């Protein structure tokens, strides 16, 4: 597990009662109990934890990313941290 995965899983676990380790990183957020409102809150928490700014959906898409599943979040956060350094 990378150094970003554990904190992201911890943040997500606050918004669902499901065991996130049982799901593939490609599982859509809806399937693990994260609705669009919860995802907005998750994004705020991730921004605060990693001291990054996650762009709006169109900017994310322009960069070739999305926020449909856990794997997407890992890739985006990793890219934003790398970009920041």
N, C-alpha and C. Protein backbone atom coordinates (compact mmCIF):
# COMPACT_ATOMS: atom_id res chain seq x y z
N UNK A 1 0.85 -1.18 0.00
CA UNK A 1 0.00 0.00 0.00
C UNK A 1 0.89 1.24 0.00
N UNK A 2 0.60 2.15 -0.92
CA UNK A 2 1.42 3.35 -1.01
C UNK A 2 1.11 4.30 0.14
N UNK A 3 1.92 5.34 0.24
CA UNK A 3 1.74 6.29 1.34
C UNK A 3 0.49 7.16 1.19
N UNK A 4 -0.16 7.12 0.03
CA UNK A 4 -1.41 7.88 -0.10
C UNK A 4 -2.64 7.01 0.10
N UNK A 5 -2.51 5.71 -0.11
CA UNK A 5 -3.66 4.83 -0.05
C UNK A 5 -4.27 4.73 1.35
N UNK A 6 -3.45 4.54 2.35
CA UNK A 6 -3.96 4.37 3.72
C UNK A 6 -4.76 5.59 4.19
N UNK A 7 -4.24 6.81 4.04
CA UNK A 7 -5.03 7.96 4.48
C UNK A 7 -6.33 8.13 3.68
N UNK A 8 -6.29 7.84 2.38
CA UNK A 8 -7.49 7.96 1.57
C UNK A 8 -8.52 6.93 2.00
N UNK A 9 -8.09 5.70 2.25
CA UNK A 9 -9.02 4.67 2.73
C UNK A 9 -9.62 5.07 4.07
N UNK A 10 -8.80 5.65 4.94
CA UNK A 10 -9.30 6.09 6.25
C UNK A 10 -10.37 7.17 6.08
N UNK A 11 -10.11 8.12 5.20
CA UNK A 11 -11.08 9.18 4.95
C UNK A 11 -12.37 8.60 4.39
N UNK A 12 -12.26 7.73 3.39
CA UNK A 12 -13.45 7.13 2.78
C UNK A 12 -14.24 6.29 3.78
N UNK A 13 -13.55 5.62 4.68
CA UNK A 13 -14.23 4.75 5.64
C UNK A 13 -15.14 5.55 6.57
N UNK A 14 -14.88 6.85 6.73
CA UNK A 14 -15.74 7.69 7.56
C UNK A 14 -17.09 7.95 6.91
N UNK A 15 -17.21 7.66 5.61
CA UNK A 15 -18.44 7.96 4.87
C UNK A 15 -19.20 6.71 4.42
N UNK A 16 -18.71 5.53 4.78
CA UNK A 16 -19.41 4.30 4.43
C UNK A 16 -19.23 3.29 5.55
N UNK A 17 -20.18 2.40 5.67
CA UNK A 17 -20.07 1.37 6.70
C UNK A 17 -19.56 0.05 6.12
N UNK A 18 -19.04 0.09 4.91
CA UNK A 18 -18.54 -1.12 4.24
C UNK A 18 -17.04 -1.24 4.42
N UNK A 19 -16.56 -2.47 4.40
CA UNK A 19 -15.13 -2.74 4.49
C UNK A 19 -14.52 -2.47 3.12
N UNK A 20 -13.78 -1.40 3.00
CA UNK A 20 -13.26 -0.99 1.71
C UNK A 20 -12.22 -1.94 1.14
N UNK A 21 -11.58 -2.72 1.98
CA UNK A 21 -10.57 -3.66 1.48
C UNK A 21 -11.21 -4.82 0.72
N UNK A 22 -12.53 -4.96 0.83
CA UNK A 22 -13.23 -6.02 0.10
C UNK A 22 -13.53 -5.63 -1.34
N UNK A 23 -13.31 -4.39 -1.70
CA UNK A 23 -13.66 -3.90 -3.02
C UNK A 23 -12.42 -3.67 -3.87
N UNK A 24 -12.56 -3.90 -5.17
CA UNK A 24 -11.48 -3.60 -6.11
C UNK A 24 -11.36 -2.09 -6.25
N UNK A 25 -10.18 -1.61 -6.60
CA UNK A 25 -9.98 -0.17 -6.75
C UNK A 25 -10.76 0.38 -7.95
N UNK A 26 -11.29 -0.51 -8.78
CA UNK A 26 -12.08 -0.08 -9.94
C UNK A 26 -13.59 -0.07 -9.66
N UNK A 27 -13.97 -0.46 -8.46
CA UNK A 27 -15.39 -0.50 -8.08
C UNK A 27 -15.93 0.92 -8.01
N UNK A 28 -17.04 1.21 -8.71
CA UNK A 28 -17.61 2.57 -8.65
C UNK A 28 -18.00 2.95 -7.22
N UNK A 29 -17.84 4.22 -6.91
CA UNK A 29 -18.14 4.70 -5.56
C UNK A 29 -19.57 4.38 -5.13
N UNK A 30 -20.51 4.44 -6.06
CA UNK A 30 -21.90 4.14 -5.70
C UNK A 30 -22.03 2.73 -5.12
N UNK A 31 -21.23 1.80 -5.63
CA UNK A 31 -21.31 0.41 -5.16
C UNK A 31 -20.75 0.22 -3.75
N UNK A 32 -19.96 1.17 -3.29
CA UNK A 32 -19.41 1.05 -1.93
C UNK A 32 -20.08 2.02 -0.96
N UNK A 33 -21.18 2.61 -1.41
CA UNK A 33 -21.96 3.46 -0.51
C UNK A 33 -21.52 4.90 -0.43
N UNK A 34 -20.76 5.37 -1.41
CA UNK A 34 -20.33 6.76 -1.44
C UNK A 34 -21.16 7.47 -2.52
N UNK A 35 -22.11 8.30 -2.10
CA UNK A 35 -22.92 9.04 -3.08
C UNK A 35 -22.21 10.35 -3.45
N UNK A 36 -22.82 11.11 -4.35
CA UNK A 36 -22.16 12.32 -4.85
C UNK A 36 -21.92 13.35 -3.75
N UNK A 37 -22.83 13.49 -2.81
CA UNK A 37 -22.65 14.43 -1.71
C UNK A 37 -21.49 13.99 -0.81
N UNK A 38 -21.45 12.72 -0.50
CA UNK A 38 -20.35 12.19 0.32
C UNK A 38 -19.02 12.36 -0.40
N UNK A 39 -19.03 12.17 -1.72
CA UNK A 39 -17.78 12.30 -2.49
C UNK A 39 -17.25 13.73 -2.41
N UNK A 40 -18.13 14.71 -2.41
CA UNK A 40 -17.69 16.11 -2.26
C UNK A 40 -17.01 16.29 -0.91
N UNK A 41 -17.59 15.73 0.13
CA UNK A 41 -16.99 15.83 1.46
C UNK A 41 -15.66 15.08 1.52
N UNK A 42 -15.59 13.93 0.88
CA UNK A 42 -14.34 13.16 0.81
C UNK A 42 -13.26 14.00 0.13
N UNK A 43 -13.63 14.66 -0.96
CA UNK A 43 -12.66 15.49 -1.68
C UNK A 43 -12.13 16.60 -0.79
N UNK A 44 -13.01 17.26 -0.05
CA UNK A 44 -12.56 18.31 0.88
C UNK A 44 -11.58 17.74 1.91
N UNK A 45 -11.90 16.58 2.45
CA UNK A 45 -11.03 15.95 3.45
C UNK A 45 -9.68 15.58 2.86
N UNK A 46 -9.69 15.06 1.63
CA UNK A 46 -8.43 14.69 0.96
C UNK A 46 -7.59 15.94 0.69
N UNK A 47 -8.24 17.01 0.24
CA UNK A 47 -7.52 18.26 -0.01
C UNK A 47 -6.85 18.76 1.27
N UNK A 48 -7.58 18.71 2.35
CA UNK A 48 -7.04 19.19 3.62
C UNK A 48 -5.89 18.30 4.09
N UNK A 49 -6.07 16.99 4.02
CA UNK A 49 -5.05 16.06 4.51
C UNK A 49 -3.74 16.21 3.73
N UNK A 50 -3.84 16.27 2.40
CA UNK A 50 -2.64 16.29 1.56
C UNK A 50 -2.20 17.70 1.18
N UNK A 51 -2.95 18.72 1.62
CA UNK A 51 -2.65 20.11 1.30
C UNK A 51 -2.54 20.31 -0.22
N UNK A 52 -3.59 19.85 -0.91
CA UNK A 52 -3.67 19.98 -2.37
C UNK A 52 -5.03 20.58 -2.72
N UNK A 53 -5.18 20.98 -3.96
CA UNK A 53 -6.47 21.46 -4.46
C UNK A 53 -6.88 20.53 -5.60
N UNK A 54 -8.01 19.88 -5.43
CA UNK A 54 -8.53 19.01 -6.48
C UNK A 54 -9.39 19.88 -7.39
N UNK A 55 -9.05 19.94 -8.68
CA UNK A 55 -9.79 20.81 -9.59
C UNK A 55 -11.23 20.33 -9.81
N UNK A 56 -12.02 21.17 -10.47
CA UNK A 56 -13.39 20.78 -10.77
C UNK A 56 -13.41 19.66 -11.82
N UNK A 57 -14.58 19.09 -12.03
CA UNK A 57 -14.70 17.91 -12.89
C UNK A 57 -14.19 18.13 -14.31
N UNK A 58 -14.46 19.27 -14.90
CA UNK A 58 -14.00 19.50 -16.28
C UNK A 58 -12.48 19.60 -16.36
N UNK A 59 -11.87 20.22 -15.36
CA UNK A 59 -10.41 20.30 -15.33
C UNK A 59 -9.80 18.92 -15.10
N UNK A 60 -10.44 18.13 -14.25
CA UNK A 60 -9.96 16.77 -14.01
C UNK A 60 -10.02 15.96 -15.30
N UNK A 61 -11.13 16.08 -16.02
CA UNK A 61 -11.28 15.36 -17.30
C UNK A 61 -10.26 15.83 -18.32
N UNK A 62 -9.98 17.14 -18.35
CA UNK A 62 -8.99 17.68 -19.28
C UNK A 62 -7.60 17.11 -19.02
N UNK A 63 -7.33 16.76 -17.76
CA UNK A 63 -6.04 16.17 -17.40
C UNK A 63 -6.03 14.65 -17.60
N UNK A 64 -7.17 14.10 -18.03
CA UNK A 64 -7.26 12.67 -18.28
C UNK A 64 -7.62 11.84 -17.07
N UNK A 65 -8.20 12.46 -16.06
CA UNK A 65 -8.58 11.77 -14.83
C UNK A 65 -10.09 11.81 -14.66
N UNK A 66 -10.59 11.02 -13.72
CA UNK A 66 -11.99 11.07 -13.32
C UNK A 66 -12.05 10.74 -11.83
N UNK A 67 -13.25 10.77 -11.29
CA UNK A 67 -13.44 10.44 -9.88
C UNK A 67 -14.57 9.42 -9.73
N UNK A 68 -14.50 8.35 -10.51
CA UNK A 68 -15.54 7.34 -10.47
C UNK A 68 -15.27 6.23 -9.46
N UNK A 69 -13.99 6.03 -9.14
CA UNK A 69 -13.65 4.91 -8.27
C UNK A 69 -12.39 5.24 -7.46
N UNK A 70 -12.07 4.36 -6.55
CA UNK A 70 -10.91 4.55 -5.66
C UNK A 70 -9.60 4.67 -6.44
N UNK A 71 -9.43 3.85 -7.45
CA UNK A 71 -8.21 3.91 -8.27
C UNK A 71 -8.04 5.28 -8.92
N UNK A 72 -9.16 5.86 -9.37
CA UNK A 72 -9.11 7.21 -9.96
C UNK A 72 -8.60 8.22 -8.95
N UNK A 73 -9.09 8.13 -7.73
CA UNK A 73 -8.68 9.06 -6.68
C UNK A 73 -7.19 8.89 -6.37
N UNK A 74 -6.73 7.65 -6.26
CA UNK A 74 -5.30 7.40 -6.03
C UNK A 74 -4.45 8.06 -7.11
N UNK A 75 -4.82 7.85 -8.37
CA UNK A 75 -4.04 8.40 -9.48
C UNK A 75 -4.04 9.93 -9.47
N UNK A 76 -5.21 10.51 -9.26
CA UNK A 76 -5.32 11.97 -9.26
C UNK A 76 -4.53 12.59 -8.11
N UNK A 77 -4.70 12.06 -6.90
CA UNK A 77 -3.99 12.60 -5.74
C UNK A 77 -2.48 12.46 -5.93
N UNK A 78 -2.05 11.31 -6.41
CA UNK A 78 -0.63 11.10 -6.66
C UNK A 78 -0.10 12.12 -7.66
N UNK A 79 -0.85 12.36 -8.74
CA UNK A 79 -0.43 13.34 -9.75
C UNK A 79 -0.38 14.74 -9.17
N UNK A 80 -1.37 15.10 -8.36
CA UNK A 80 -1.41 16.45 -7.77
C UNK A 80 -0.28 16.66 -6.77
N UNK A 81 0.04 15.62 -6.01
CA UNK A 81 1.16 15.73 -5.06
C UNK A 81 2.46 15.87 -5.82
N UNK A 82 2.64 15.08 -6.87
CA UNK A 82 3.86 15.15 -7.68
C UNK A 82 3.98 16.52 -8.34
N UNK A 83 2.87 17.03 -8.84
CA UNK A 83 2.83 18.35 -9.48
C UNK A 83 3.21 19.46 -8.50
N UNK A 84 2.79 19.29 -7.26
CA UNK A 84 3.04 20.29 -6.21
C UNK A 84 4.50 20.34 -5.81
N UNK A 85 5.17 19.20 -5.89
CA UNK A 85 6.58 19.13 -5.43
C UNK A 85 7.49 19.75 -6.41
